[in-house]
Amino acid sequence: MVRFDDLDLFVRTAACGSFSKAAREANLLPGQVSAAIMRLERDLELRLFARSTRSLRLTDEGERYLPYAREVIELLHSGREVLRRDDAELTGTLLLAAPSDFGRNLLLPWIGEFRRRHPRLEVRLQLSDQVTDVFRDRVDIALRYGQPEDASYVALPLAPDNRRVLVAAPAYLEQCGIPASLDDLQHHSCLLWQLQGRVYDKWVFPIGKARRIVQVKGALVCDDSDVVRRWVLAGEGIAYRSWLDVGTDVRAGRLVVILPDQPGEPAPLNMVCPHRRQFSPAVRQLHALLAERCAALAP
């Protein structure tokens, strides 16, 4: 098994170009460094250095192995620093992007609670239903609905079992009637959301292992999901919304779930960031808080 101390001495020796210089930096004897390199070569079954009485250079195998060794050492150092900082007071700036409806009606008070716990941390919140590009946009993390489609970023689950539900206000149902099946939706005013000019008027429902797509129509369309929520609360029609966004209204009696026995489309909520190295103490502690709050809203 490779020893991390040996790996560290390999990286140091490659940078210094000699056992003696690496030994001075590590406060060791040259023979100790040489023994560590030989032990590492034996463990890897590779020749990492070509040695002579006057020179020391990396072999081809050593050149190819060096970047991986550096990455392991950097990760170990980063992990140690993270553990040291976990108990420290959170400072700096956290850039967070979130969907409009979820951000305004649920996330805002949770961010306030998080800030009261960590008063020296600055939080910059961006609310939009546009999909944030965590690689190009100036954000540290983003909250996203849906199954992660890109394996190049890391997704931490917040509400993995969240689903969409059909909802309407009691006043609308009293006036227009309650749909008895998915087919009845075509006879109702449905509140539609659009993104980048595309109107989402085909609602998807799981039927066993298959799925059914229902074409709906409505005279009210908006690219802000919070506006769609306000319309449904005002009795303007039927909406197909994430349970997280409407669960509080359902429990309070402001909205009614339609066809409760019909499963809705999965809508898991995740915290997304480009790389695990960005899991700062602030990100990890915010994730723990949001996961706890989302779990409390589960149906």
C-alpha atoms as a PDB file:
ATOM      1  CA  MET A   1       0.000   0.000   0.000  1.00  0.00           C
ATOM      2  CA  VAL A   2       1.315   3.447  -0.948  1.00  0.00           C
ATOM      3  CA  ARG A   3       2.274   5.631   1.999  1.00  0.00           C
ATOM      4  CA  PHE A   4       1.224   9.257   1.768  1.00  0.00           C
ATOM      5  CA  ASP A   5       4.541  10.399   3.269  1.00  0.00           C
ATOM      6  CA  ASP A   6       6.374   8.584   0.494  1.00  0.00           C
ATOM      7  CA  LEU A   7       4.088  10.186  -2.086  1.00  0.00           C
ATOM      8  CA  ASP A   8       4.781  13.617  -0.625  1.00  0.00           C
ATOM      9  CA  LEU A   9       8.546  13.007  -0.778  1.00  0.00           C
ATOM     10  CA  PHE A  10       8.234  11.879  -4.400  1.00  0.00           C
ATOM     11  CA  VAL A  11       6.507  15.156  -5.344  1.00  0.00           C
ATOM     12  CA  ARG A  12       9.061  17.152  -3.344  1.00  0.00           C
ATOM     13  CA  THR A  13      12.017  15.326  -4.903  1.00  0.00           C
ATOM     14  CA  ALA A  14      10.653  15.845  -8.416  1.00  0.00           C
ATOM     15  CA  ALA A  15      10.419  19.573  -7.703  1.00  0.00           C
ATOM     16  CA  CYS A  16      13.867  19.826  -6.112  1.00  0.00           C
ATOM     17  CA  GLY A  17      15.718  17.589  -8.544  1.00  0.00           C
ATOM     18  CA  SER A  18      17.769  15.822  -5.878  1.00  0.00           C
ATOM     19  CA  PHE A  19      17.400  13.690  -2.783  1.00  0.00           C
ATOM     20  CA  SER A  20      19.584  16.010  -0.696  1.00  0.00           C
ATOM     21  CA  LYS A  21      17.550  19.156  -1.443  1.00  0.00           C
ATOM     22  CA  ALA A  22      14.289  17.347  -0.789  1.00  0.00           C
ATOM     23  CA  ALA A  23      15.736  16.002   2.466  1.00  0.00           C
ATOM     24  CA  ARG A  24      16.707  19.496   3.636  1.00  0.00           C
ATOM     25  CA  GLU A  25      13.195  20.805   2.915  1.00  0.00           C
ATOM     26  CA  ALA A  26      11.596  17.889   4.781  1.00  0.00           C
ATOM     27  CA  ASN A  27      14.165  18.005   7.617  1.00  0.00           C
ATOM     28  CA  LEU A  28      15.256  14.435   6.864  1.00  0.00           C
ATOM     29  CA  LEU A  29      18.458  12.662   5.876  1.00  0.00           C
ATOM     30  CA  PRO A  30      19.076  12.040   2.147  1.00  0.00           C
ATOM     31  CA  GLY A  31      19.099   8.318   2.824  1.00  0.00           C
ATOM     32  CA  GLN A  32      15.599   8.520   4.309  1.00  0.00           C
ATOM     33  CA  VAL A  33      14.285  10.247   1.194  1.00  0.00           C
ATOM     34  CA  SER A  34      16.018   7.722  -1.057  1.00  0.00           C
ATOM     35  CA  ALA A  35      14.535   4.855   0.944  1.00  0.00           C
ATOM     36  CA  ALA A  36      11.036   6.392   0.686  1.00  0.00           C
ATOM     37  CA  ILE A  37      11.337   6.686  -3.108  1.00  0.00           C
ATOM     38  CA  MET A  38      12.552   3.100  -3.404  1.00  0.00           C
ATOM     39  CA  ARG A  39       9.656   1.930  -1.223  1.00  0.00           C
ATOM     40  CA  LEU A  40       7.175   3.859  -3.399  1.00  0.00           C
ATOM     41  CA  GLU A  41       8.674   2.390  -6.577  1.00  0.00           C
ATOM     42  CA  ARG A  42       8.363  -1.074  -5.089  1.00  0.00           C
ATOM     43  CA  ASP A  43       4.712  -0.496  -4.112  1.00  0.00           C
ATOM     44  CA  LEU A  44       3.869   0.873  -7.569  1.00  0.00           C
ATOM     45  CA  GLU A  45       6.086  -1.573  -9.434  1.00  0.00           C
ATOM     46  CA  LEU A  46       7.376   1.384 -11.440  1.00  0.00           C
ATOM     47  CA  ARG A  47      10.724   3.086 -11.898  1.00  0.00           C
ATOM     48  CA  LEU A  48      10.053   6.745 -11.047  1.00  0.00           C
ATOM     49  CA  PHE A  49      13.597   8.180 -11.228  1.00  0.00           C
ATOM     50  CA  ALA A  50      16.617   7.470 -13.364  1.00  0.00           C
ATOM     51  CA  ARG A  51      19.616   7.828 -11.049  1.00  0.00           C
ATOM     52  CA  SER A  52      23.305   8.352 -11.643  1.00  0.00           C
ATOM     53  CA  THR A  53      26.153   9.571  -9.450  1.00  0.00           C
ATOM     54  CA  ARG A  54      25.674  13.133 -10.709  1.00  0.00           C
ATOM     55  CA  SER A  55      22.037  13.448 -11.783  1.00  0.00           C
ATOM     56  CA  LEU A  56      18.489  12.511 -10.915  1.00  0.00           C
ATOM     57  CA  ARG A  57      15.675  12.760 -13.414  1.00  0.00           C
ATOM     58  CA  LEU A  58      12.135  11.464 -13.763  1.00  0.00           C
ATOM     59  CA  THR A  59      11.548   8.467 -15.971  1.00  0.00           C
ATOM     60  CA  ASP A  60       8.719   8.486 -18.491  1.00  0.00           C
ATOM     61  CA  GLU A  61       6.567   6.597 -15.970  1.00  0.00           C
ATOM     62  CA  GLY A  62       7.526   9.116 -13.287  1.00  0.00           C
ATOM     63  CA  GLU A  63       6.534  12.049 -15.522  1.00  0.00           C
ATOM     64  CA  ARG A  64       3.120  10.519 -16.175  1.00  0.00           C
ATOM     65  CA  TYR A  65       2.546   9.590 -12.535  1.00  0.00           C
ATOM     66  CA  LEU A  66       3.587  12.981 -11.101  1.00  0.00           C
ATOM     67  CA  PRO A  67       0.326  14.915 -11.854  1.00  0.00           C
ATOM     68  CA  TYR A  68      -1.730  12.255 -10.084  1.00  0.00           C
ATOM     69  CA  ALA A  69       0.577  12.294  -7.077  1.00  0.00           C
ATOM     70  CA  ARG A  70       0.323  16.091  -6.891  1.00  0.00           C
ATOM     71  CA  GLU A  71      -3.471  15.928  -7.029  1.00  0.00           C
ATOM     72  CA  VAL A  72      -3.603  13.397  -4.185  1.00  0.00           C
ATOM     73  CA  ILE A  73      -1.316  15.530  -2.014  1.00  0.00           C
ATOM     74  CA  GLU A  74      -3.335  18.674  -2.797  1.00  0.00           C
ATOM     75  CA  LEU A  75      -6.568  16.903  -1.884  1.00  0.00           C
ATOM     76  CA  LEU A  76      -5.098  15.730   1.404  1.00  0.00           C
ATOM     77  CA  HIS A  77      -3.918  19.222   2.266  1.00  0.00           C
ATOM     78  CA  SER A  78      -7.292  20.676   1.250  1.00  0.00           C
ATOM     79  CA  GLY A  79      -9.117  18.139   3.420  1.00  0.00           C
ATOM     80  CA  ARG A  80      -6.949  18.988   6.387  1.00  0.00           C
ATOM     81  CA  GLU A  81      -7.594  22.713   5.926  1.00  0.00           C
ATOM     82  CA  VAL A  82     -11.328  22.102   5.619  1.00  0.00           C
ATOM     83  CA  LEU A  83     -11.374  20.158   8.875  1.00  0.00           C
ATOM     84  CA  ARG A  84      -9.435  22.925  10.577  1.00  0.00           C
ATOM     85  CA  ARG A  85     -11.893  25.527   9.323  1.00  0.00           C
ATOM     86  CA  ASP A  86     -15.074  23.602  10.146  1.00  0.00           C
ATOM     87  CA  ASP A  87     -15.088  24.855  13.711  1.00  0.00           C
ATOM     88  CA  ALA A  88     -14.050  28.361  12.753  1.00  0.00           C
ATOM     89  CA  GLU A  89     -16.439  31.245  12.221  1.00  0.00           C
ATOM     90  CA  LEU A  90     -17.715  31.433   8.646  1.00  0.00           C
ATOM     91  CA  THR A  91     -16.512  34.496   6.750  1.00  0.00           C
ATOM     92  CA  GLY A  92     -16.266  35.644   3.145  1.00  0.00           C
ATOM     93  CA  THR A  93     -18.955  35.663   0.451  1.00  0.00           C
ATOM     94  CA  LEU A  94     -21.248  32.862  -0.712  1.00  0.00           C
ATOM     95  CA  LEU A  95     -22.821  33.290  -4.166  1.00  0.00           C
ATOM     96  CA  LEU A  96     -26.073  31.316  -4.465  1.00  0.00           C
ATOM     97  CA  ALA A  97     -28.577  30.954  -7.328  1.00  0.00           C
ATOM     98  CA  ALA A  98     -32.092  29.554  -6.836  1.00  0.00           C
ATOM     99  CA  PRO A  99     -35.421  29.198  -8.696  1.00  0.00           C
ATOM    100  CA  SER A 100     -37.825  32.119  -8.420  1.00  0.00           C
ATOM    101  CA  ASP A 101     -40.756  30.566  -6.527  1.00  0.00           C
ATOM    102  CA  PHE A 102     -38.682  28.413  -4.169  1.00  0.00           C
ATOM    103  CA  GLY A 103     -36.271  31.284  -3.554  1.00  0.00           C
ATOM    104  CA  ARG A 104     -38.855  33.922  -2.655  1.00  0.00           C
ATOM    105  CA  ASN A 105     -41.273  31.847  -0.614  1.00  0.00           C
ATOM    106  CA  LEU A 106     -39.102  29.270   1.152  1.00  0.00           C
ATOM    107  CA  LEU A 107     -35.417  30.049   0.791  1.00  0.00           C
ATOM    108  CA  LEU A 108     -35.479  33.687   1.970  1.00  0.00           C
ATOM    109  CA  PRO A 109     -36.327  32.959   5.630  1.00  0.00           C
ATOM    110  CA  TRP A 110     -33.905  30.035   5.674  1.00  0.00           C
ATOM    111  CA  ILE A 111     -31.117  32.285   4.399  1.00  0.00           C
ATOM    112  CA  GLY A 112     -32.023  34.770   7.125  1.00  0.00           C
ATOM    113  CA  GLU A 113     -31.694  32.008   9.723  1.00  0.00           C
ATOM    114  CA  PHE A 114     -28.351  30.933   8.243  1.00  0.00           C
ATOM    115  CA  ARG A 115     -27.041  34.508   8.339  1.00  0.00           C
ATOM    116  CA  ARG A 116     -28.039  34.932  11.981  1.00  0.00           C
ATOM    117  CA  ARG A 117     -25.967  31.860  12.796  1.00  0.00           C
ATOM    118  CA  HIS A 118     -23.009  33.216  10.798  1.00  0.00           C
ATOM    119  CA  PRO A 119     -23.143  37.026  10.928  1.00  0.00           C
ATOM    120  CA  ARG A 120     -19.708  37.506   9.320  1.00  0.00           C
ATOM    121  CA  LEU A 121     -20.708  35.592   6.170  1.00  0.00           C
ATOM    122  CA  GLU A 122     -22.060  37.590   3.222  1.00  0.00           C
ATOM    123  CA  VAL A 123     -24.676  35.833   1.056  1.00  0.00           C
ATOM    124  CA  ARG A 124     -25.436  37.037  -2.475  1.00  0.00           C
ATOM    125  CA  LEU A 125     -28.649  35.485  -3.773  1.00  0.00           C
ATOM    126  CA  GLN A 126     -29.710  35.348  -7.422  1.00  0.00           C
ATOM    127  CA  LEU A 127     -33.330  34.391  -8.139  1.00  0.00           C
ATOM    128  CA  SER A 128     -34.252  33.274 -11.640  1.00  0.00           C
ATOM    129  CA  ASP A 129     -35.942  30.380 -13.385  1.00  0.00           C
ATOM    130  CA  GLN A 130     -33.170  30.396 -16.005  1.00  0.00           C
ATOM    131  CA  VAL A 131     -30.860  27.399 -15.546  1.00  0.00           C
ATOM    132  CA  THR A 132     -27.656  28.714 -13.975  1.00  0.00           C
ATOM    133  CA  ASP A 133     -24.400  27.571 -15.569  1.00  0.00           C
ATOM    134  CA  VAL A 134     -22.250  26.850 -12.526  1.00  0.00           C
ATOM    135  CA  PHE A 135     -19.121  26.848 -14.706  1.00  0.00           C
ATOM    136  CA  ARG A 136     -19.662  30.177 -16.473  1.00  0.00           C
ATOM    137  CA  ASP A 137     -21.909  32.231 -14.193  1.00  0.00           C
ATOM    138  CA  ARG A 138     -20.514  33.934 -11.105  1.00  0.00           C
ATOM    139  CA  VAL A 139     -22.018  31.601  -8.514  1.00  0.00           C
ATOM    140  CA  ASP A 140     -20.567  29.152  -6.001  1.00  0.00           C
ATOM    141  CA  ILE A 141     -23.626  26.903  -5.853  1.00  0.00           C
ATOM    142  CA  ALA A 142     -27.050  26.675  -7.490  1.00  0.00           C
ATOM    143  CA  LEU A 143     -30.321  25.037  -6.453  1.00  0.00           C
ATOM    144  CA  ARG A 144     -31.925  23.092  -9.297  1.00  0.00           C
ATOM    145  CA  TYR A 145     -35.032  21.012  -9.815  1.00  0.00           C
ATOM    146  CA  GLY A 146     -34.820  17.834 -11.878  1.00  0.00           C
ATOM    147  CA  GLN A 147     -32.522  14.876 -12.337  1.00  0.00           C
ATOM    148  CA  PRO A 148     -28.855  15.865 -12.816  1.00  0.00           C
ATOM    149  CA  GLU A 149     -28.092  15.477 -16.524  1.00  0.00           C
ATOM    150  CA  ASP A 150     -24.426  16.520 -16.563  1.00  0.00           C
ATOM    151  CA  ALA A 151     -21.906  14.263 -14.850  1.00  0.00           C
ATOM    152  CA  SER A 152     -19.288  17.031 -14.989  1.00  0.00           C
ATOM    153  CA  TYR A 153     -20.747  18.804 -11.949  1.00  0.00           C
ATOM    154  CA  VAL A 154     -21.567  17.573  -8.461  1.00  0.00           C
ATOM    155  CA  ALA A 155     -25.178  17.454  -7.182  1.00  0.00           C
ATOM    156  CA  LEU A 156     -25.949  17.233  -3.465  1.00  0.00           C
ATOM    157  CA  PRO A 157     -29.570  16.095  -2.831  1.00  0.00           C
ATOM    158  CA  LEU A 158     -31.867  18.387  -0.860  1.00  0.00           C
ATOM    159  CA  ALA A 159     -35.265  16.813  -1.589  1.00  0.00           C
ATOM    160  CA  PRO A 160     -34.659  13.651  -3.658  1.00  0.00           C
ATOM    161  CA  ASP A 161     -38.272  12.404  -3.420  1.00  0.00           C
ATOM    162  CA  ASN A 162     -39.978  15.689  -4.313  1.00  0.00           C
ATOM    163  CA  ARG A 163     -42.688  15.494  -7.016  1.00  0.00           C
ATOM    164  CA  ARG A 164     -45.038  17.772  -8.903  1.00  0.00           C
ATOM    165  CA  VAL A 165     -48.718  17.918  -7.944  1.00  0.00           C
ATOM    166  CA  LEU A 166     -51.846  19.266  -9.593  1.00  0.00           C
ATOM    167  CA  VAL A 167     -53.315  22.071  -7.469  1.00  0.00           C
ATOM    168  CA  ALA A 168     -56.056  24.670  -7.619  1.00  0.00           C
ATOM    169  CA  ALA A 169     -57.719  27.119  -5.255  1.00  0.00           C
ATOM    170  CA  PRO A 170     -61.012  26.045  -3.610  1.00  0.00           C
ATOM    171  CA  ALA A 171     -62.774  29.000  -5.288  1.00  0.00           C
ATOM    172  CA  TYR A 172     -61.729  27.822  -8.760  1.00  0.00           C
ATOM    173  CA  LEU A 173     -62.879  24.243  -8.101  1.00  0.00           C
ATOM    174  CA  GLU A 174     -66.194  25.435  -6.713  1.00  0.00           C
ATOM    175  CA  GLN A 175     -66.815  27.465  -9.853  1.00  0.00           C
ATOM    176  CA  CYS A 176     -65.370  25.130 -12.528  1.00  0.00           C
ATOM    177  CA  GLY A 177     -65.602  21.685 -10.957  1.00  0.00           C
ATOM    178  CA  ILE A 178     -63.004  19.126  -9.944  1.00  0.00           C
ATOM    179  CA  PRO A 179     -61.304  17.115 -12.736  1.00  0.00           C
ATOM    180  CA  ALA A 180     -62.095  13.409 -12.348  1.00  0.00           C
ATOM    181  CA  SER A 181     -59.237  12.231 -14.596  1.00  0.00           C
ATOM    182  CA  LEU A 182     -56.225  13.485 -16.499  1.00  0.00           C
ATOM    183  CA  ASP A 183     -58.430  13.681 -19.611  1.00  0.00           C
ATOM    184  CA  ASP A 184     -60.567  16.320 -17.880  1.00  0.00           C
ATOM    185  CA  LEU A 185     -57.604  18.728 -17.704  1.00  0.00           C
ATOM    186  CA  GLN A 186     -58.158  19.736 -21.346  1.00  0.00           C
ATOM    187  CA  HIS A 187     -61.495  21.270 -20.315  1.00  0.00           C
ATOM    188  CA  HIS A 188     -59.928  23.489 -17.635  1.00  0.00           C
ATOM    189  CA  SER A 189     -57.906  26.679 -17.565  1.00  0.00           C
ATOM    190  CA  CYS A 190     -54.313  25.599 -16.892  1.00  0.00           C
ATOM    191  CA  LEU A 191     -51.659  28.043 -15.715  1.00  0.00           C
ATOM    192  CA  LEU A 192     -48.561  27.735 -17.867  1.00  0.00           C
ATOM    193  CA  TRP A 193     -44.883  28.469 -17.352  1.00  0.00           C
ATOM    194  CA  GLN A 194     -42.392  29.251 -20.085  1.00  0.00           C
ATOM    195  CA  LEU A 195     -38.602  29.203 -20.285  1.00  0.00           C
ATOM    196  CA  GLN A 196     -36.582  30.856 -23.045  1.00  0.00           C
ATOM    197  CA  GLY A 197     -39.711  31.299 -25.125  1.00  0.00           C
ATOM    198  CA  ARG A 198     -40.864  27.682 -24.797  1.00  0.00           C
ATOM    199  CA  VAL A 199     -44.294  27.231 -23.216  1.00  0.00           C
ATOM    200  CA  TYR A 200     -44.560  24.106 -21.069  1.00  0.00           C
ATOM    201  CA  ASP A 201     -48.077  23.023 -22.052  1.00  0.00           C
ATOM    202  CA  LYS A 202     -47.396  19.270 -22.082  1.00  0.00           C
ATOM    203  CA  TRP A 203     -47.600  17.903 -18.553  1.00  0.00           C
ATOM    204  CA  VAL A 204     -45.932  14.563 -17.850  1.00  0.00           C
ATOM    205  CA  PHE A 205     -47.358  11.974 -15.434  1.00  0.00           C
ATOM    206  CA  PRO A 206     -45.872   8.565 -14.521  1.00  0.00           C
ATOM    207  CA  ILE A 207     -48.138   5.623 -15.301  1.00  0.00           C
ATOM    208  CA  GLY A 208     -46.459   2.528 -13.868  1.00  0.00           C
ATOM    209  CA  LYS A 209     -43.097   2.199 -15.607  1.00  0.00           C
ATOM    210  CA  ALA A 210     -44.292   4.328 -18.513  1.00  0.00           C
ATOM    211  CA  ARG A 211     -45.399   7.943 -18.622  1.00  0.00           C
ATOM    212  CA  ARG A 212     -48.289   9.880 -20.062  1.00  0.00           C
ATOM    213  CA  ILE A 213     -48.057  13.304 -21.670  1.00  0.00           C
ATOM    214  CA  VAL A 214     -51.182  15.447 -21.339  1.00  0.00           C
ATOM    215  CA  GLN A 215     -51.648  18.456 -23.629  1.00  0.00           C
ATOM    216  CA  VAL A 216     -53.147  21.358 -21.664  1.00  0.00           C
ATOM    217  CA  LYS A 217     -54.099  24.926 -22.519  1.00  0.00           C
ATOM    218  CA  GLY A 218     -54.590  28.205 -20.751  1.00  0.00           C
ATOM    219  CA  ALA A 219     -54.719  31.946 -21.350  1.00  0.00           C
ATOM    220  CA  LEU A 220     -52.183  32.854 -18.647  1.00  0.00           C
ATOM    221  CA  VAL A 221     -48.475  32.198 -19.282  1.00  0.00           C
ATOM    222  CA  CYS A 222     -45.438  33.569 -17.433  1.00  0.00           C
ATOM    223  CA  ASP A 223     -41.683  32.964 -17.331  1.00  0.00           C
ATOM    224  CA  ASP A 224     -41.631  33.542 -13.551  1.00  0.00           C
ATOM    225  CA  SER A 225     -42.795  30.502 -11.578  1.00  0.00           C
ATOM    226  CA  ASP A 226     -43.658  32.669  -8.574  1.00  0.00           C
ATOM    227  CA  VAL A 227     -46.229  34.494 -10.714  1.00  0.00           C
ATOM    228  CA  VAL A 228     -47.783  31.137 -11.695  1.00  0.00           C
ATOM    229  CA  ARG A 229     -48.084  30.314  -7.998  1.00  0.00           C
ATOM    230  CA  ARG A 230     -49.811  33.643  -7.329  1.00  0.00           C
ATOM    231  CA  TRP A 231     -52.255  33.012 -10.164  1.00  0.00           C
ATOM    232  CA  VAL A 232     -53.236  29.618  -8.810  1.00  0.00           C
ATOM    233  CA  LEU A 233     -53.717  31.099  -5.325  1.00  0.00           C
ATOM    234  CA  ALA A 234     -55.936  33.775  -6.863  1.00  0.00           C
ATOM    235  CA  GLY A 235     -58.221  31.099  -8.357  1.00  0.00           C
ATOM    236  CA  GLU A 236     -57.209  31.658 -11.987  1.00  0.00           C
ATOM    237  CA  GLY A 237     -56.835  27.990 -12.866  1.00  0.00           C
ATOM    238  CA  ILE A 238     -54.995  24.699 -12.304  1.00  0.00           C
ATOM    239  CA  ALA A 239     -51.221  24.524 -11.902  1.00  0.00           C
ATOM    240  CA  TYR A 240     -48.765  21.628 -11.997  1.00  0.00           C
ATOM    241  CA  ARG A 241     -46.220  22.593  -9.364  1.00  0.00           C
ATOM    242  CA  SER A 242     -43.430  21.199  -7.231  1.00  0.00           C
ATOM    243  CA  TRP A 243     -44.756  20.015  -3.866  1.00  0.00           C
ATOM    244  CA  LEU A 244     -42.064  22.076  -2.133  1.00  0.00           C
ATOM    245  CA  ASP A 245     -43.500  25.225  -3.715  1.00  0.00           C
ATOM    246  CA  VAL A 246     -47.158  24.571  -2.839  1.00  0.00           C
ATOM    247  CA  GLY A 247     -47.094  22.193   0.141  1.00  0.00           C
ATOM    248  CA  THR A 248     -47.451  24.992   2.686  1.00  0.00           C
ATOM    249  CA  ASP A 249     -50.456  26.391   0.803  1.00  0.00           C
ATOM    250  CA  VAL A 250     -52.075  22.930   0.639  1.00  0.00           C
ATOM    251  CA  ARG A 251     -51.651  22.392   4.378  1.00  0.00           C
ATOM    252  CA  ALA A 252     -53.122  25.834   5.052  1.00  0.00           C
ATOM    253  CA  GLY A 253     -56.169  25.113   2.866  1.00  0.00           C
ATOM    254  CA  ARG A 254     -55.337  27.806   0.320  1.00  0.00           C
ATOM    255  CA  LEU A 255     -54.855  25.146  -2.368  1.00  0.00           C
ATOM    256  CA  VAL A 256     -56.304  21.676  -2.975  1.00  0.00           C
ATOM    257  CA  VAL A 257     -54.463  18.732  -4.536  1.00  0.00           C
ATOM    258  CA  ILE A 258     -56.325  17.419  -7.590  1.00  0.00           C
ATOM    259  CA  LEU A 259     -56.233  13.694  -8.437  1.00  0.00           C
ATOM    260  CA  PRO A 260     -54.212  12.883  -5.309  1.00  0.00           C
ATOM    261  CA  ASP A 261     -53.925   9.200  -6.290  1.00  0.00           C
ATOM    262  CA  GLN A 262     -52.182  10.095  -9.552  1.00  0.00           C
ATOM    263  CA  PRO A 263     -48.387  10.290  -9.004  1.00  0.00           C
ATOM    264  CA  GLY A 264     -46.782  13.452 -10.296  1.00  0.00           C
ATOM    265  CA  GLU A 265     -43.589  13.859 -12.262  1.00  0.00           C
ATOM    266  CA  PRO A 266     -40.433  13.542 -10.110  1.00  0.00           C
ATOM    267  CA  ALA A 267     -38.889  16.931  -9.315  1.00  0.00           C
ATOM    268  CA  PRO A 268     -35.888  16.294  -7.045  1.00  0.00           C
ATOM    269  CA  LEU A 269     -34.167  19.389  -5.700  1.00  0.00           C
ATOM    270  CA  ASN A 270     -30.370  19.418  -5.648  1.00  0.00           C
ATOM    271  CA  MET A 271     -27.587  21.768  -4.631  1.00  0.00           C
ATOM    272  CA  VAL A 272     -25.179  21.902  -7.574  1.00  0.00           C
ATOM    273  CA  CYS A 273     -21.555  23.021  -7.729  1.00  0.00           C
ATOM    274  CA  PRO A 274     -18.754  22.476 -10.265  1.00  0.00           C
ATOM    275  CA  HIS A 275     -16.313  20.500  -8.096  1.00  0.00           C
ATOM    276  CA  ARG A 276     -16.063  18.865  -4.689  1.00  0.00           C
ATOM    277  CA  ARG A 277     -13.214  21.205  -3.846  1.00  0.00           C
ATOM    278  CA  GLN A 278     -15.824  23.959  -3.623  1.00  0.00           C
ATOM    279  CA  PHE A 279     -17.501  22.207  -0.685  1.00  0.00           C
ATOM    280  CA  SER A 280     -16.399  24.923   1.698  1.00  0.00           C
ATOM    281  CA  PRO A 281     -17.620  24.870   5.320  1.00  0.00           C
ATOM    282  CA  ALA A 282     -20.240  27.465   4.332  1.00  0.00           C
ATOM    283  CA  VAL A 283     -21.534  25.270   1.490  1.00  0.00           C
ATOM    284  CA  ARG A 284     -21.664  22.144   3.661  1.00  0.00           C
ATOM    285  CA  GLN A 285     -23.410  23.887   6.550  1.00  0.00           C
ATOM    286  CA  LEU A 286     -25.936  25.551   4.237  1.00  0.00           C
ATOM    287  CA  HIS A 287     -26.614  22.200   2.575  1.00  0.00           C
ATOM    288  CA  ALA A 288     -27.269  20.588   5.966  1.00  0.00           C
ATOM    289  CA  LEU A 289     -29.715  23.352   6.927  1.00  0.00           C
ATOM    290  CA  LEU A 290     -31.620  23.291   3.608  1.00  0.00           C
ATOM    291  CA  ALA A 291     -31.838  19.484   3.575  1.00  0.00           C
ATOM    292  CA  GLU A 292     -33.296  19.561   7.091  1.00  0.00           C
ATOM    293  CA  ARG A 293     -35.860  22.226   6.171  1.00  0.00           C
ATOM    294  CA  CYS A 294     -36.867  20.459   2.939  1.00  0.00           C
ATOM    295  CA  ALA A 295     -37.317  17.165   4.787  1.00  0.00           C
ATOM    296  CA  ALA A 296     -39.748  18.887   7.162  1.00  0.00           C
ATOM    297  CA  LEU A 297     -41.913  19.869   4.146  1.00  0.00           C
ATOM    298  CA  ALA A 298     -42.180  16.342   2.728  1.00  0.00           C
ATOM    299  CA  PRO A 299     -45.787  15.242   2.158  1.00  0.00           C
END
